[in-house]
N, C-alpha and C. Protein backbone atom coordinates (compact mmCIF):
# COMPACT_ATOMS: atom_id res chain seq x y z
N UNK A 1 99.82 113.29 80.80
CA UNK A 1 100.93 114.19 81.11
C UNK A 1 102.07 113.42 81.76
N UNK A 2 101.89 112.98 83.02
CA UNK A 2 102.96 112.25 83.68
C UNK A 2 102.43 110.94 84.25
N UNK A 3 103.23 109.90 84.12
CA UNK A 3 102.80 108.61 84.65
C UNK A 3 102.99 108.56 86.16
N UNK A 4 104.13 109.01 86.64
CA UNK A 4 104.42 109.03 88.07
C UNK A 4 104.57 110.48 88.50
N UNK A 5 104.14 110.78 89.68
CA UNK A 5 104.27 112.14 90.19
C UNK A 5 105.19 112.12 91.40
N UNK A 6 105.85 113.27 91.69
CA UNK A 6 106.66 113.33 92.91
C UNK A 6 105.77 113.03 94.11
N UNK A 7 106.36 112.56 95.17
CA UNK A 7 105.59 112.17 96.35
C UNK A 7 104.74 113.33 96.87
N UNK A 8 103.46 113.24 96.63
CA UNK A 8 102.50 114.20 97.16
C UNK A 8 101.57 113.41 98.06
N UNK A 9 101.62 113.72 99.33
CA UNK A 9 100.86 112.90 100.27
C UNK A 9 100.36 113.75 101.43
N UNK A 10 99.49 113.13 102.19
CA UNK A 10 98.97 113.73 103.42
C UNK A 10 98.67 112.61 104.39
N UNK A 11 98.65 112.97 105.65
CA UNK A 11 98.40 111.99 106.69
C UNK A 11 97.40 112.57 107.68
N UNK A 12 96.50 111.71 108.14
CA UNK A 12 95.54 112.09 109.18
C UNK A 12 95.63 111.07 110.30
N UNK A 13 95.22 111.50 111.47
CA UNK A 13 95.20 110.61 112.63
C UNK A 13 93.75 110.41 113.07
N UNK A 14 93.44 109.19 113.43
CA UNK A 14 92.11 108.91 113.98
C UNK A 14 92.25 108.17 115.31
N UNK A 15 91.26 108.30 116.13
CA UNK A 15 91.09 107.49 117.32
C UNK A 15 89.91 106.60 117.00
N UNK A 16 90.12 105.29 116.91
CA UNK A 16 89.08 104.37 116.45
C UNK A 16 87.86 104.47 117.38
N UNK A 17 86.70 104.86 116.80
CA UNK A 17 85.49 104.99 117.62
C UNK A 17 84.74 103.66 117.74
N UNK A 18 83.98 103.55 118.80
CA UNK A 18 83.19 102.35 119.07
C UNK A 18 82.23 102.03 117.92
N UNK A 19 81.60 103.07 117.34
CA UNK A 19 80.59 102.82 116.31
C UNK A 19 81.15 102.26 115.00
N UNK A 20 82.48 102.18 114.86
CA UNK A 20 83.09 101.59 113.66
C UNK A 20 83.38 100.10 113.81
N UNK A 21 83.07 99.54 114.98
CA UNK A 21 83.40 98.13 115.25
C UNK A 21 82.33 97.17 114.75
N UNK A 22 82.76 95.96 114.44
CA UNK A 22 81.82 94.90 114.11
C UNK A 22 81.51 94.10 115.39
N UNK A 23 80.65 93.09 115.33
CA UNK A 23 80.31 92.33 116.54
C UNK A 23 81.50 91.62 117.21
N UNK A 24 82.60 91.46 116.48
CA UNK A 24 83.78 90.81 117.06
C UNK A 24 84.70 91.80 117.77
N UNK A 25 84.36 93.08 117.72
CA UNK A 25 85.15 94.08 118.43
C UNK A 25 86.31 94.66 117.65
N UNK A 26 86.35 94.43 116.35
CA UNK A 26 87.37 95.03 115.49
C UNK A 26 86.67 95.93 114.47
N UNK A 27 87.43 96.83 113.86
CA UNK A 27 86.83 97.72 112.87
C UNK A 27 86.28 96.90 111.71
N UNK A 28 85.02 97.17 111.37
CA UNK A 28 84.37 96.52 110.24
C UNK A 28 85.16 96.84 108.98
N UNK A 29 85.38 95.85 108.13
CA UNK A 29 86.26 96.00 106.97
C UNK A 29 85.90 97.17 106.06
N UNK A 30 84.64 97.48 105.89
CA UNK A 30 84.25 98.58 105.01
C UNK A 30 84.66 99.95 105.53
N UNK A 31 84.87 100.07 106.82
CA UNK A 31 85.26 101.36 107.39
C UNK A 31 86.68 101.76 107.02
N UNK A 32 87.50 100.82 106.60
CA UNK A 32 88.85 101.18 106.19
C UNK A 32 88.79 102.13 105.00
N UNK A 33 87.81 101.95 104.14
CA UNK A 33 87.66 102.85 102.99
C UNK A 33 87.25 104.24 103.44
N UNK A 34 86.49 104.33 104.52
CA UNK A 34 86.14 105.63 105.10
C UNK A 34 87.42 106.32 105.59
N UNK A 35 88.30 105.56 106.22
CA UNK A 35 89.56 106.13 106.69
C UNK A 35 90.45 106.56 105.51
N UNK A 36 90.47 105.74 104.46
CA UNK A 36 91.21 106.13 103.25
C UNK A 36 90.68 107.47 102.74
N UNK A 37 89.37 107.61 102.74
CA UNK A 37 88.75 108.84 102.23
C UNK A 37 89.16 110.07 103.05
N UNK A 38 89.29 109.91 104.35
CA UNK A 38 89.73 111.02 105.18
C UNK A 38 91.12 111.49 104.76
N UNK A 39 92.02 110.55 104.51
CA UNK A 39 93.38 110.90 104.10
C UNK A 39 93.41 111.44 102.66
N UNK A 40 92.59 110.85 101.78
CA UNK A 40 92.53 111.33 100.40
C UNK A 40 92.05 112.78 100.36
N UNK A 41 91.03 113.08 101.16
CA UNK A 41 90.50 114.43 101.21
C UNK A 41 91.59 115.40 101.67
N UNK A 42 92.37 115.00 102.66
CA UNK A 42 93.45 115.86 103.13
C UNK A 42 94.51 116.04 102.05
N UNK A 43 94.82 114.99 101.30
CA UNK A 43 95.79 115.11 100.20
C UNK A 43 95.29 116.09 99.14
N UNK A 44 94.00 116.06 98.86
CA UNK A 44 93.45 117.00 97.89
C UNK A 44 93.49 118.43 98.43
N UNK A 45 93.28 118.59 99.72
CA UNK A 45 93.39 119.92 100.34
C UNK A 45 94.81 120.44 100.24
N UNK A 46 95.79 119.55 100.43
CA UNK A 46 97.20 119.94 100.36
C UNK A 46 97.54 120.54 99.00
N UNK A 47 96.95 120.00 97.94
CA UNK A 47 97.24 120.54 96.60
C UNK A 47 96.26 121.63 96.19
N UNK A 48 95.35 122.01 97.10
CA UNK A 48 94.40 123.07 96.80
C UNK A 48 93.27 122.64 95.88
N UNK A 49 92.85 121.39 96.01
CA UNK A 49 91.81 120.87 95.13
C UNK A 49 90.78 120.08 95.91
N UNK A 50 90.19 120.74 96.91
CA UNK A 50 89.15 120.12 97.73
C UNK A 50 87.83 120.13 96.93
N UNK A 51 86.76 119.68 97.53
CA UNK A 51 85.48 119.52 96.85
C UNK A 51 85.02 120.79 96.14
N UNK A 52 85.14 121.92 96.77
CA UNK A 52 84.68 123.17 96.14
C UNK A 52 85.46 123.47 94.87
N UNK A 53 86.79 123.31 94.91
CA UNK A 53 87.60 123.55 93.71
C UNK A 53 87.29 122.52 92.63
N UNK A 54 86.99 121.29 93.06
CA UNK A 54 86.61 120.25 92.11
C UNK A 54 85.34 120.65 91.37
N UNK A 55 84.33 121.07 92.13
CA UNK A 55 83.06 121.49 91.52
C UNK A 55 83.28 122.65 90.56
N UNK A 56 84.08 123.61 90.97
CA UNK A 56 84.34 124.78 90.12
C UNK A 56 85.07 124.40 88.84
N UNK A 57 85.85 123.32 88.88
CA UNK A 57 86.59 122.88 87.69
C UNK A 57 85.67 122.28 86.63
N UNK A 58 84.45 121.87 87.07
CA UNK A 58 83.52 121.24 86.14
C UNK A 58 83.66 119.73 86.05
N UNK A 59 84.48 119.16 86.94
CA UNK A 59 84.72 117.72 86.91
C UNK A 59 84.55 117.12 88.30
N UNK A 60 84.27 115.83 88.33
CA UNK A 60 84.29 115.05 89.56
C UNK A 60 85.19 113.85 89.30
N UNK A 61 85.66 113.24 90.36
CA UNK A 61 86.54 112.08 90.25
C UNK A 61 85.98 110.92 91.07
N UNK A 62 84.95 110.24 90.59
CA UNK A 62 84.41 109.11 91.35
C UNK A 62 85.39 107.93 91.36
N UNK A 63 85.32 107.17 92.42
CA UNK A 63 86.14 105.96 92.53
C UNK A 63 85.58 104.93 91.55
N UNK A 64 86.46 104.36 90.71
CA UNK A 64 86.06 103.33 89.76
C UNK A 64 86.61 101.96 90.14
N UNK A 65 87.58 101.95 91.05
CA UNK A 65 88.14 100.70 91.53
C UNK A 65 88.78 100.97 92.89
N UNK A 66 88.65 100.02 93.81
CA UNK A 66 89.24 100.17 95.13
C UNK A 66 89.73 98.83 95.63
N UNK A 67 90.80 98.86 96.39
CA UNK A 67 91.39 97.63 96.92
C UNK A 67 91.93 97.91 98.31
N UNK A 68 91.80 96.94 99.19
CA UNK A 68 92.37 97.04 100.54
C UNK A 68 92.94 95.69 100.94
N UNK A 69 94.14 95.71 101.48
CA UNK A 69 94.75 94.49 102.02
C UNK A 69 94.82 94.69 103.54
N UNK A 70 94.14 93.81 104.24
CA UNK A 70 94.05 93.88 105.70
C UNK A 70 95.18 93.06 106.30
N UNK A 71 96.00 93.69 107.11
CA UNK A 71 97.17 93.02 107.66
C UNK A 71 96.97 92.67 109.13
N UNK A 72 96.43 93.60 109.88
CA UNK A 72 96.18 93.42 111.31
C UNK A 72 94.95 94.25 111.66
N UNK A 73 94.12 93.79 112.59
CA UNK A 73 92.88 94.53 112.84
C UNK A 73 93.07 95.80 113.66
N UNK A 74 92.28 96.80 113.30
CA UNK A 74 92.16 97.99 114.15
C UNK A 74 91.12 97.67 115.21
N UNK A 75 91.36 98.16 116.42
CA UNK A 75 90.45 97.90 117.53
C UNK A 75 90.06 99.22 118.19
N UNK A 76 89.02 99.16 118.97
CA UNK A 76 88.52 100.34 119.66
C UNK A 76 89.63 101.04 120.45
N UNK A 77 89.68 102.36 120.31
CA UNK A 77 90.61 103.16 121.08
C UNK A 77 92.01 103.25 120.51
N UNK A 78 92.31 102.50 119.46
CA UNK A 78 93.64 102.60 118.85
C UNK A 78 93.77 103.95 118.15
N UNK A 79 94.97 104.50 118.19
CA UNK A 79 95.28 105.69 117.40
C UNK A 79 95.97 105.19 116.13
N UNK A 80 95.42 105.61 115.02
CA UNK A 80 95.96 105.15 113.73
C UNK A 80 96.32 106.36 112.87
N UNK A 81 97.37 106.19 112.10
CA UNK A 81 97.80 107.18 111.11
C UNK A 81 97.42 106.64 109.74
N UNK A 82 96.72 107.45 108.97
CA UNK A 82 96.31 107.04 107.63
C UNK A 82 96.98 107.99 106.65
N UNK A 83 97.73 107.44 105.73
CA UNK A 83 98.48 108.22 104.74
C UNK A 83 97.90 107.95 103.36
N UNK A 84 97.72 109.02 102.60
CA UNK A 84 97.30 108.91 101.20
C UNK A 84 98.38 109.56 100.35
N UNK A 85 98.74 108.90 99.27
CA UNK A 85 99.77 109.43 98.37
C UNK A 85 99.28 109.35 96.93
N UNK A 86 99.39 110.46 96.23
CA UNK A 86 99.04 110.49 94.81
C UNK A 86 100.15 109.78 94.05
N UNK A 87 99.79 108.70 93.37
CA UNK A 87 100.79 107.87 92.69
C UNK A 87 100.84 108.08 91.18
N UNK A 88 99.68 108.23 90.55
CA UNK A 88 99.63 108.38 89.09
C UNK A 88 98.52 109.34 88.73
N UNK A 89 98.72 110.01 87.60
CA UNK A 89 97.70 110.96 87.12
C UNK A 89 97.36 110.77 85.65
N UNK A 90 98.03 109.88 84.97
CA UNK A 90 97.77 109.71 83.54
C UNK A 90 96.50 108.91 83.31
N UNK A 91 95.51 109.52 82.68
CA UNK A 91 94.22 108.90 82.34
C UNK A 91 93.33 108.60 83.54
N UNK A 92 93.86 108.78 84.73
CA UNK A 92 93.11 108.47 85.95
C UNK A 92 93.89 109.05 87.12
N UNK A 93 93.31 108.94 88.28
CA UNK A 93 94.00 109.35 89.50
C UNK A 93 94.17 108.09 90.36
N UNK A 94 95.40 107.71 90.61
CA UNK A 94 95.69 106.54 91.43
C UNK A 94 96.26 107.03 92.75
N UNK A 95 95.62 106.62 93.84
CA UNK A 95 96.05 107.01 95.17
C UNK A 95 96.33 105.76 95.99
N UNK A 96 97.49 105.74 96.63
CA UNK A 96 97.86 104.64 97.51
C UNK A 96 97.63 105.04 98.96
N UNK A 97 97.32 104.06 99.79
CA UNK A 97 97.00 104.32 101.19
C UNK A 97 97.77 103.36 102.09
N UNK A 98 98.04 103.83 103.29
CA UNK A 98 98.63 102.97 104.30
C UNK A 98 98.06 103.40 105.65
N UNK A 99 97.68 102.41 106.45
CA UNK A 99 97.21 102.65 107.81
C UNK A 99 98.21 102.00 108.75
N UNK A 100 98.68 102.79 109.73
CA UNK A 100 99.63 102.28 110.72
C UNK A 100 99.12 102.57 112.12
N UNK A 101 99.49 101.69 113.03
CA UNK A 101 99.24 101.92 114.46
C UNK A 101 100.19 103.04 114.88
N UNK A 102 99.65 104.13 115.40
CA UNK A 102 100.50 105.27 115.76
C UNK A 102 101.50 104.90 116.85
N UNK A 103 101.09 104.09 117.80
CA UNK A 103 101.95 103.75 118.94
C UNK A 103 103.12 102.86 118.54
N UNK A 104 102.85 101.84 117.74
CA UNK A 104 103.89 100.85 117.42
C UNK A 104 104.51 101.03 116.04
N UNK A 105 103.83 101.75 115.17
CA UNK A 105 104.31 101.88 113.79
C UNK A 105 103.96 100.68 112.93
N UNK A 106 103.27 99.68 113.49
CA UNK A 106 102.91 98.48 112.73
C UNK A 106 101.93 98.83 111.62
N UNK A 107 102.19 98.26 110.45
CA UNK A 107 101.26 98.45 109.34
C UNK A 107 100.00 97.64 109.61
N UNK A 108 98.86 98.29 109.48
CA UNK A 108 97.57 97.66 109.72
C UNK A 108 96.91 97.27 108.41
N UNK A 109 96.99 98.15 107.42
CA UNK A 109 96.37 97.89 106.12
C UNK A 109 97.02 98.76 105.08
N UNK A 110 96.86 98.35 103.83
CA UNK A 110 97.29 99.19 102.71
C UNK A 110 96.27 99.01 101.60
N UNK A 111 96.21 99.97 100.71
CA UNK A 111 95.24 99.88 99.63
C UNK A 111 95.48 100.91 98.57
N UNK A 112 94.52 100.99 97.67
CA UNK A 112 94.60 101.98 96.60
C UNK A 112 93.20 102.23 96.05
N UNK A 113 93.04 103.38 95.47
CA UNK A 113 91.82 103.67 94.72
C UNK A 113 92.23 104.20 93.35
N UNK A 114 91.38 103.94 92.38
CA UNK A 114 91.51 104.52 91.05
C UNK A 114 90.28 105.39 90.86
N UNK A 115 90.50 106.61 90.41
CA UNK A 115 89.40 107.53 90.18
C UNK A 115 89.52 108.08 88.77
N UNK A 116 88.39 108.17 88.11
CA UNK A 116 88.35 108.68 86.74
C UNK A 116 87.62 110.01 86.72
N UNK A 117 88.07 110.91 85.90
CA UNK A 117 87.41 112.21 85.77
C UNK A 117 86.14 112.07 84.94
N UNK A 118 85.08 112.71 85.41
CA UNK A 118 83.84 112.79 84.65
C UNK A 118 83.39 114.25 84.63
N UNK A 119 82.74 114.64 83.54
CA UNK A 119 82.21 116.01 83.43
C UNK A 119 80.95 116.12 84.27
N UNK A 120 80.92 117.13 85.13
CA UNK A 120 79.72 117.35 85.92
C UNK A 120 78.57 117.72 84.99
N UNK A 121 77.41 117.25 85.32
CA UNK A 121 76.23 117.53 84.50
C UNK A 121 75.92 116.40 83.55
N UNK A 122 76.90 115.99 82.75
CA UNK A 122 76.67 114.90 81.79
C UNK A 122 77.18 113.57 82.33
N UNK A 123 78.09 113.60 83.27
CA UNK A 123 78.75 112.42 83.83
C UNK A 123 79.50 111.61 82.77
N UNK A 124 79.88 112.29 81.70
CA UNK A 124 80.68 111.67 80.65
C UNK A 124 82.11 111.47 81.14
N UNK A 125 82.62 110.26 80.98
CA UNK A 125 83.98 109.96 81.43
C UNK A 125 85.00 110.61 80.52
N UNK A 126 86.04 111.16 81.10
CA UNK A 126 87.15 111.76 80.36
C UNK A 126 88.27 110.73 80.26
N UNK A 127 88.90 110.67 79.13
CA UNK A 127 89.98 109.71 78.96
C UNK A 127 91.34 110.33 79.16
N UNK A 128 91.38 111.63 79.38
CA UNK A 128 92.59 112.33 79.76
C UNK A 128 92.32 113.06 81.06
N UNK A 129 93.32 113.14 81.90
CA UNK A 129 93.14 113.84 83.17
C UNK A 129 93.04 115.33 82.90
N UNK A 130 91.98 115.98 83.38
CA UNK A 130 91.80 117.40 83.13
C UNK A 130 92.92 118.26 83.71
N UNK A 131 93.26 119.31 82.97
CA UNK A 131 94.32 120.24 83.37
C UNK A 131 94.05 120.86 84.74
N UNK A 132 92.78 121.00 85.09
CA UNK A 132 92.43 121.60 86.39
C UNK A 132 93.10 120.84 87.54
N UNK A 133 93.19 119.53 87.46
CA UNK A 133 93.85 118.74 88.49
C UNK A 133 95.36 118.70 88.26
N UNK A 134 95.77 118.48 87.04
CA UNK A 134 97.20 118.37 86.75
C UNK A 134 97.98 119.62 87.15
N UNK A 135 97.40 120.78 86.91
CA UNK A 135 98.10 122.02 87.26
C UNK A 135 98.26 122.16 88.77
N UNK A 136 97.28 121.71 89.55
CA UNK A 136 97.38 121.76 91.02
C UNK A 136 98.47 120.80 91.51
N UNK A 137 98.51 119.62 90.92
CA UNK A 137 99.52 118.65 91.32
C UNK A 137 100.91 119.16 90.97
N UNK A 138 101.05 119.70 89.77
CA UNK A 138 102.35 120.23 89.33
C UNK A 138 102.81 121.35 90.25
N UNK A 139 101.92 122.26 90.59
CA UNK A 139 102.26 123.37 91.47
C UNK A 139 102.67 122.87 92.85
N UNK A 140 101.95 121.90 93.38
CA UNK A 140 102.27 121.34 94.70
C UNK A 140 103.61 120.62 94.67
N UNK A 141 103.90 119.92 93.57
CA UNK A 141 105.17 119.21 93.44
C UNK A 141 106.33 120.19 93.39
N UNK A 142 106.14 121.31 92.73
CA UNK A 142 107.19 122.34 92.66
C UNK A 142 107.49 122.90 94.03
N UNK A 143 106.46 123.12 94.82
CA UNK A 143 106.63 123.66 96.17
C UNK A 143 107.39 122.69 97.04
N UNK A 144 107.15 121.37 96.85
CA UNK A 144 107.80 120.34 97.66
C UNK A 144 109.29 120.22 97.38
N UNK A 145 109.73 120.65 96.19
CA UNK A 145 111.14 120.49 95.80
C UNK A 145 112.07 121.28 96.69
């Protein structure tokens, strides 16, 4: 349908917990993807397509590729803002992420995930993005105008 979508995004705030740290006292690198997921989930809620609506649509969108660029470490007690933005919907769902220190505005990390639609039950991959998601994105984009 569309290669680029109007800016559809959401942001969440976290207070870095102790249990997310590695032995060096910084957030373990794998936890950044957990933070991305928190923001992605909020972005899906913004367009009215949370897990329940996904299940009802008959499709799931598993991550097929993920990337994170670490710029500066998150540490215990930092307040961070995590933003997820829907970037592309043609043949896949591409979401970009950015983590910033809430206090200073410094960029901490950025990344992206690619998700492909699969039919629930058979787990057959779809090569076109299902209308169930596209219609939610289109409606949300219209509201943002």
